[in-house]
Amino acid sequence: MPHRSVFVSGASGFIGEEVAFGFRRAGYHVFGLVRTQEKADKLAFNEITPVLGDLMKPETYADVLKQCKIVIHCAVDYARSFLKVTSTLSFVSIVPSNFEAFDKHCVSTFLAILTASSSPTDPAVLVYTSGLLNYKGMNSPADAPIEEDNWPLEEGHALFNPRVVSERNVLQAYQKTNGKVAGVTVRPSYVYGRKSGHFYPYFEQAVDKGEVVVLGRPDIIWSEVHIDDLVDGYLHIAAAKTAAIGGQAFNFADSSRNTNLEIATAFARAAGYTGEIRTQAIKPDDIFEIVTQKTVICSGKKAEEVLGWKPRKKPMIEEVDVMWRRWQAARKLSLVKK
């Protein structure tokens, strides 16, 4: 494997940090973009070369970016791109502010720098991190799983359209740059494991509130993927030939098919809660929660066939006891609120 350099934006975030650590373990020289010295020190401690900068100020990272042939965009600037609204039951909702301008700036800057510093014989790879909620919801969970190239995206939707536009710009890059930059889009399923906050509120409810409530429809299903398997997917992209991945989108999803109610029940029982699992309707003004009320079951077949990727972790619901012990330990270490 060539020892190439990798640039990771959002290297202090949940996905970005794990991606940076994973590439370092695989032998790459990893640069991680962060905005504070404290986060930079943590990266350096973990053998990641920190880049103290700001995505909206390319001069703070352009010289480093020119040294890298793999760029993985994981950043979302919540402070400037979203208005955060905390809803009930410890779930967090967000509504878009200027995310479209932020994301467009990031993608166009990456493409411009990589195009200028690469060639068709020495191409760069730009990996854009999107998500399964970019897909329109399924009519029925009995339908065939969603594949990357045969399902409509949430085009025109206020919350998701910015990512749809960025996806398109990245996927068109290989053709528009004449092979200098292979643009790839990653659409992860709901990512769980390690520091993920997904579904952990059910533990919190069971322990602190003495009740467990499913917010919204209890019957919807989302595909899932463990963070370790997702990181492995990025590594498979980096190892692939650019001609095979340029202009391609990849789902990373395991075989799980569990409803919200089934997940809530499993988490509650693991925490020792034996009471009723209640449901609560979404507030009509909760934009984010409303648009997530859809079933999205993705197929990882393309990633398996093109990249040779396969999830190695058991489905989440089969290892809820592991999640429970992790959550308890995090509390003892003050990594989650008490």
Protein backbone atom coordinates (compact mmCIF):
# COMPACT_ATOMS: atom_id res chain seq x y z
CA MET A 1 0.00 0.00 0.00
CA PRO A 2 1.42 3.42 -0.88
CA HIS A 3 1.93 5.57 2.19
CA ARG A 4 -0.19 8.48 1.05
CA SER A 5 -1.29 11.47 3.06
CA VAL A 6 -4.92 11.93 4.05
CA PHE A 7 -6.72 15.14 5.00
CA VAL A 8 -9.81 14.80 7.21
CA SER A 9 -12.15 17.72 7.83
CA GLY A 10 -14.17 17.62 11.02
CA ALA A 11 -11.44 15.52 12.62
CA SER A 12 -12.77 16.19 16.12
CA GLY A 13 -16.30 15.05 15.29
CA PHE A 14 -17.67 11.58 15.91
CA ILE A 15 -17.19 10.21 12.39
CA GLY A 16 -14.22 12.39 11.42
CA GLU A 17 -12.20 11.52 14.48
CA GLU A 18 -12.76 7.78 14.06
CA VAL A 19 -11.89 8.05 10.36
CA ALA A 20 -8.67 9.88 11.20
CA PHE A 21 -7.72 7.27 13.81
CA GLY A 22 -8.59 4.43 11.44
CA PHE A 23 -6.42 5.75 8.62
CA ARG A 24 -3.53 6.28 11.02
CA ARG A 25 -3.83 2.68 12.23
CA ALA A 26 -3.77 1.59 8.59
CA GLY A 27 -0.41 3.30 8.05
CA TYR A 28 -1.41 6.59 6.46
CA HIS A 29 -0.04 10.02 7.37
CA VAL A 30 -3.19 11.79 8.54
CA PHE A 31 -3.83 15.52 8.75
CA GLY A 32 -6.88 16.50 10.79
CA LEU A 33 -8.54 19.91 10.56
CA VAL A 34 -9.78 21.34 13.87
CA ARG A 35 -10.50 24.82 15.19
CA THR A 36 -9.18 24.78 18.76
CA GLN A 37 -5.81 24.06 20.34
CA GLU A 38 -7.36 21.60 22.77
CA LYS A 39 -8.70 19.49 19.90
CA ALA A 40 -5.40 19.81 18.06
CA ASP A 41 -3.55 18.48 21.11
CA LYS A 42 -5.86 15.46 21.28
CA LEU A 43 -5.18 14.66 17.63
CA ALA A 44 -1.42 14.99 18.13
CA PHE A 45 -1.65 12.65 21.14
CA ASN A 46 -3.23 10.07 18.80
CA GLU A 47 -0.55 10.49 16.11
CA ILE A 48 -2.69 12.67 13.85
CA THR A 49 -1.01 15.81 12.50
CA PRO A 50 -3.34 18.62 13.55
CA VAL A 51 -4.18 21.49 11.23
CA LEU A 52 -5.48 24.41 13.24
CA GLY A 53 -7.77 26.20 10.83
CA ASP A 54 -11.21 27.14 9.61
CA LEU A 55 -13.03 25.65 6.63
CA MET A 56 -14.31 29.10 5.70
CA LYS A 57 -10.71 30.36 5.55
CA PRO A 58 -8.90 28.21 2.94
CA GLU A 59 -5.63 29.99 3.59
CA THR A 60 -5.47 28.15 6.93
CA TYR A 61 -5.31 24.70 5.33
CA ALA A 62 -4.68 25.03 1.56
CA ASP A 63 -0.94 24.28 1.75
CA VAL A 64 -1.61 21.06 3.66
CA LEU A 65 -4.41 20.03 1.32
CA LYS A 66 -2.02 20.26 -1.65
CA GLN A 67 0.13 17.56 -0.05
CA CYS A 68 -2.74 15.07 0.16
CA LYS A 69 -4.18 12.74 -2.45
CA ILE A 70 -7.10 11.68 -0.28
CA VAL A 71 -9.47 14.22 1.24
CA ILE A 72 -12.35 13.08 3.43
CA HIS A 73 -14.97 15.70 4.20
CA CYS A 74 -16.74 14.89 7.47
CA ALA A 75 -17.28 18.37 8.86
CA VAL A 76 -20.57 20.05 9.64
CA ASP A 77 -20.18 23.50 11.18
CA TYR A 78 -23.11 23.49 13.58
CA ALA A 79 -22.20 26.83 15.14
CA ARG A 80 -22.50 28.72 11.88
CA SER A 81 -24.66 26.45 9.76
CA PHE A 82 -27.51 25.43 12.03
CA LEU A 83 -29.76 26.76 14.71
CA LYS A 84 -29.84 24.01 17.32
CA VAL A 85 -33.10 23.31 19.08
CA THR A 86 -33.20 20.83 21.94
CA SER A 87 -36.48 18.96 22.06
CA THR A 88 -37.88 16.69 24.74
CA LEU A 89 -36.54 13.32 25.86
CA SER A 90 -32.90 14.35 25.34
CA PHE A 91 -33.19 14.20 21.57
CA VAL A 92 -31.63 17.10 19.68
CA SER A 93 -33.22 18.63 16.61
CA ILE A 94 -31.71 21.09 14.17
CA VAL A 95 -33.03 23.38 11.51
CA PRO A 96 -30.90 24.74 8.66
CA SER A 97 -29.56 28.26 8.65
CA ASN A 98 -26.74 28.82 6.15
CA PHE A 99 -25.57 25.23 5.73
CA GLU A 100 -25.95 25.36 1.94
CA ALA A 101 -23.48 28.23 1.64
CA PHE A 102 -21.06 26.57 4.06
CA ASP A 103 -21.11 23.17 2.37
CA LYS A 104 -20.93 24.63 -1.14
CA HIS A 105 -17.89 26.67 -0.12
CA CYS A 106 -16.14 23.62 1.36
CA VAL A 107 -16.73 21.37 -1.65
CA SER A 108 -15.80 24.01 -4.24
CA THR A 109 -12.63 24.88 -2.32
CA PHE A 110 -11.56 21.26 -2.01
CA LEU A 111 -12.19 20.64 -5.71
CA ALA A 112 -10.31 23.75 -6.81
CA ILE A 113 -7.22 22.97 -4.73
CA LEU A 114 -7.16 19.27 -5.62
CA THR A 115 -7.68 19.93 -9.32
CA ALA A 116 -4.76 22.36 -9.36
CA SER A 117 -2.44 19.97 -7.50
CA SER A 118 -3.35 16.70 -9.28
CA SER A 119 -3.25 15.13 -12.73
CA PRO A 120 -5.00 12.26 -14.54
CA THR A 121 -1.91 10.12 -13.94
CA ASP A 122 -1.71 11.13 -10.27
CA PRO A 123 -5.33 11.78 -9.31
CA ALA A 124 -6.76 12.82 -5.97
CA VAL A 125 -9.80 11.35 -4.23
CA LEU A 126 -12.43 13.54 -2.56
CA VAL A 127 -14.84 11.65 -0.32
CA TYR A 128 -17.99 13.51 0.67
CA THR A 129 -19.88 12.28 3.73
CA SER A 130 -23.64 12.43 3.30
CA GLY A 131 -26.23 10.14 4.89
CA LEU A 132 -29.14 7.78 4.44
CA LEU A 133 -31.72 10.47 5.20
CA ASN A 134 -30.88 12.04 1.84
CA TYR A 135 -33.04 9.27 0.36
CA LYS A 136 -36.77 9.64 0.08
CA GLY A 137 -38.60 7.25 2.36
CA MET A 138 -39.78 3.80 1.31
CA ASN A 139 -43.44 2.95 0.83
CA SER A 140 -43.05 -0.28 2.76
CA PRO A 141 -40.26 -2.04 4.69
CA ALA A 142 -41.11 -5.08 2.59
CA ASP A 143 -39.78 -3.31 -0.51
CA ALA A 144 -36.32 -4.17 -1.82
CA PRO A 145 -33.54 -2.28 0.00
CA ILE A 146 -32.49 1.05 -1.48
CA GLU A 147 -29.57 0.95 -3.87
CA GLU A 148 -27.45 4.01 -4.60
CA ASP A 149 -28.40 4.54 -8.22
CA ASN A 150 -32.08 3.59 -8.32
CA TRP A 151 -33.74 5.66 -5.60
CA PRO A 152 -34.76 9.34 -5.55
CA LEU A 153 -33.08 11.78 -3.19
CA GLU A 154 -34.75 14.51 -1.13
CA GLU A 155 -34.10 17.07 -3.84
CA GLY A 156 -35.67 20.44 -3.13
CA HIS A 157 -36.24 19.72 0.56
CA ALA A 158 -35.05 22.63 2.71
CA LEU A 159 -33.08 20.43 5.09
CA PHE A 160 -31.55 17.95 2.66
CA ASN A 161 -31.18 19.80 -0.63
CA PRO A 162 -27.79 21.33 0.30
CA ARG A 163 -26.33 17.85 0.67
CA VAL A 164 -28.00 16.68 -2.53
CA VAL A 165 -26.37 19.59 -4.38
CA SER A 166 -22.97 18.90 -2.81
CA GLU A 167 -23.27 15.20 -3.63
CA ARG A 168 -23.92 16.05 -7.26
CA ASN A 169 -20.94 18.40 -7.46
CA VAL A 170 -18.64 15.78 -5.96
CA LEU A 171 -19.93 12.95 -8.15
CA GLN A 172 -19.49 15.03 -11.30
CA ALA A 173 -15.91 15.95 -10.41
CA TYR A 174 -14.22 12.98 -12.09
CA GLN A 175 -15.71 13.92 -15.43
CA LYS A 176 -15.40 17.70 -15.02
CA THR A 177 -11.74 17.54 -13.95
CA ASN A 178 -10.83 15.07 -16.72
CA GLY A 179 -9.83 12.44 -14.21
CA LYS A 180 -7.80 14.68 -11.89
CA VAL A 181 -10.19 14.28 -8.95
CA ALA A 182 -12.25 11.18 -8.27
CA GLY A 183 -15.29 12.36 -6.33
CA VAL A 184 -17.01 9.79 -4.12
CA THR A 185 -20.08 10.11 -1.91
CA VAL A 186 -20.55 8.02 1.22
CA ARG A 187 -24.08 7.58 2.53
CA PRO A 188 -23.71 5.97 5.95
CA SER A 189 -26.63 4.33 7.67
CA TYR A 190 -27.41 5.38 11.25
CA VAL A 191 -23.99 5.10 12.83
CA TYR A 192 -23.75 3.51 16.27
CA GLY A 193 -20.98 2.34 18.56
CA ARG A 194 -18.30 4.01 20.66
CA LYS A 195 -19.13 7.72 21.12
CA SER A 196 -22.28 7.73 19.01
CA GLY A 197 -25.27 9.28 20.72
CA HIS A 198 -27.83 7.48 18.59
CA PHE A 199 -30.33 5.54 20.68
CA TYR A 200 -28.44 6.13 23.97
CA PRO A 201 -31.24 8.46 25.18
CA TYR A 202 -33.27 5.30 25.79
CA PHE A 203 -30.73 4.32 28.46
CA GLU A 204 -30.95 7.79 29.94
CA GLN A 205 -34.74 7.69 30.03
CA ALA A 206 -34.80 4.26 31.67
CA VAL A 207 -32.26 5.20 34.34
CA ASP A 208 -33.09 8.84 35.05
CA LYS A 209 -36.74 9.26 34.18
CA GLY A 210 -38.23 5.87 34.95
CA GLU A 211 -40.02 5.83 31.60
CA VAL A 212 -39.08 5.13 28.01
CA VAL A 213 -40.76 7.00 25.19
CA VAL A 214 -40.40 6.53 21.44
CA LEU A 215 -40.61 9.91 19.76
CA GLY A 216 -42.61 9.68 16.54
CA ARG A 217 -43.65 6.59 14.64
CA PRO A 218 -42.66 3.36 16.39
CA ASP A 219 -42.74 1.33 13.16
CA ILE A 220 -40.13 3.15 11.08
CA ILE A 221 -36.86 1.40 10.24
CA TRP A 222 -33.41 2.81 9.47
CA SER A 223 -30.42 0.83 8.34
CA GLU A 224 -27.55 0.82 10.80
CA VAL A 225 -23.77 0.46 10.69
CA HIS A 226 -21.16 0.30 13.44
CA ILE A 227 -18.59 3.10 13.33
CA ASP A 228 -15.75 0.57 12.94
CA ASP A 229 -17.37 -0.90 9.83
CA LEU A 230 -17.98 2.58 8.44
CA VAL A 231 -14.32 3.52 8.90
CA ASP A 232 -13.39 0.29 7.14
CA GLY A 233 -15.55 1.45 4.24
CA TYR A 234 -13.55 4.66 3.89
CA LEU A 235 -10.36 2.62 3.93
CA HIS A 236 -11.68 0.42 1.14
CA ILE A 237 -12.44 3.53 -0.93
CA ALA A 238 -8.91 4.85 -0.38
CA ALA A 239 -7.43 1.53 -1.50
CA ALA A 240 -9.55 1.26 -4.66
CA LYS A 241 -8.52 2.33 -8.14
CA THR A 242 -9.84 5.80 -8.96
CA ALA A 243 -11.42 4.57 -12.19
CA ALA A 244 -13.61 2.21 -10.15
CA ILE A 245 -14.78 4.79 -7.62
CA GLY A 246 -14.82 8.13 -9.43
CA GLY A 247 -18.39 9.40 -9.65
CA GLN A 248 -19.75 6.66 -7.39
CA ALA A 249 -21.92 6.77 -4.27
CA PHE A 250 -21.75 4.01 -1.67
CA ASN A 251 -24.14 2.95 1.06
CA PHE A 252 -22.56 1.40 4.12
CA ALA A 253 -25.22 -0.65 5.86
CA ASP A 254 -25.46 -3.89 7.77
CA SER A 255 -28.33 -6.37 7.63
CA SER A 256 -30.34 -4.97 10.55
CA ARG A 257 -34.06 -4.31 10.05
CA ASN A 258 -35.32 -3.19 13.46
CA THR A 259 -38.14 -0.76 14.14
CA ASN A 260 -37.82 2.18 16.49
CA LEU A 261 -39.99 0.34 19.00
CA GLU A 262 -37.87 -2.81 18.84
CA ILE A 263 -34.72 -0.78 19.42
CA ALA A 264 -36.23 1.19 22.29
CA THR A 265 -37.46 -2.01 23.91
CA ALA A 266 -34.08 -3.72 23.61
CA PHE A 267 -32.24 -0.72 25.08
CA ALA A 268 -34.77 -0.32 27.89
CA ARG A 269 -34.63 -3.99 28.86
CA ALA A 270 -30.81 -3.94 28.84
CA ALA A 271 -31.01 -1.07 31.34
CA GLY A 272 -33.32 -3.10 33.57
CA TYR A 273 -36.49 -1.22 32.70
CA THR A 274 -39.52 -3.53 32.65
CA GLY A 275 -42.32 -1.04 32.20
CA GLU A 276 -44.35 -0.01 29.18
CA ILE A 277 -42.66 1.61 26.19
CA ARG A 278 -44.79 4.62 25.29
CA THR A 279 -44.95 6.57 22.04
CA GLN A 280 -45.22 10.32 21.64
CA ALA A 281 -46.23 12.24 18.54
CA ILE A 282 -43.81 14.65 16.91
CA LYS A 283 -44.46 18.33 17.49
CA PRO A 284 -45.67 19.93 14.24
CA ASP A 285 -42.96 22.61 14.43
CA ASP A 286 -40.11 20.14 14.93
CA ILE A 287 -38.79 20.23 11.36
CA PHE A 288 -35.94 17.79 11.74
CA GLU A 289 -37.84 15.11 13.62
CA ILE A 290 -40.73 15.29 11.15
CA VAL A 291 -38.54 14.63 8.12
CA THR A 292 -36.86 11.67 9.80
CA GLN A 293 -40.20 9.89 10.11
CA LYS A 294 -39.57 7.62 7.16
CA THR A 295 -38.31 4.11 6.62
CA VAL A 296 -34.93 3.97 4.88
CA ILE A 297 -33.43 0.50 4.47
CA CYS A 298 -30.25 0.60 2.42
CA SER A 299 -28.39 -2.10 0.56
CA GLY A 300 -24.64 -2.42 1.00
CA LYS A 301 -24.38 -4.67 -2.06
CA LYS A 302 -22.56 -2.13 -4.23
CA ALA A 303 -19.90 -1.53 -1.58
CA GLU A 304 -19.44 -5.28 -1.27
CA GLU A 305 -19.14 -5.85 -5.03
CA VAL A 306 -17.05 -2.80 -5.99
CA LEU A 307 -14.94 -2.31 -2.87
CA GLY A 308 -14.92 -5.76 -1.28
CA TRP A 309 -16.37 -4.25 1.91
CA LYS A 310 -18.41 -6.27 4.39
CA PRO A 311 -19.65 -5.32 7.86
CA ARG A 312 -17.93 -7.36 10.55
CA LYS A 313 -19.83 -6.30 13.65
CA LYS A 314 -22.99 -8.09 14.73
CA PRO A 315 -26.21 -6.09 14.26
CA MET A 316 -26.63 -3.54 17.05
CA ILE A 317 -29.67 -5.13 18.63
CA GLU A 318 -27.68 -8.33 19.15
CA GLU A 319 -25.08 -6.43 21.17
CA VAL A 320 -27.21 -4.06 23.20
CA ASP A 321 -25.51 -5.40 26.33
CA VAL A 322 -22.22 -4.07 24.94
CA MET A 323 -23.82 -0.67 24.31
CA TRP A 324 -25.23 -0.68 27.86
CA ARG A 325 -21.86 -1.40 29.46
CA ARG A 326 -20.27 1.27 27.32
CA TRP A 327 -22.88 3.83 28.37
CA GLN A 328 -22.45 2.96 32.05
CA ALA A 329 -18.67 3.29 31.78
CA ALA A 330 -19.01 6.62 29.99
CA ARG A 331 -21.07 7.92 32.90
CA LYS A 332 -18.47 6.84 35.42
CA LEU A 333 -15.81 8.60 33.36
CA SER A 334 -18.06 11.68 32.98
CA LEU A 335 -18.16 11.25 29.21
CA VAL A 336 -21.96 11.49 29.19
CA LYS A 337 -24.15 13.60 31.43
CA LYS A 338 -25.55 12.23 34.68
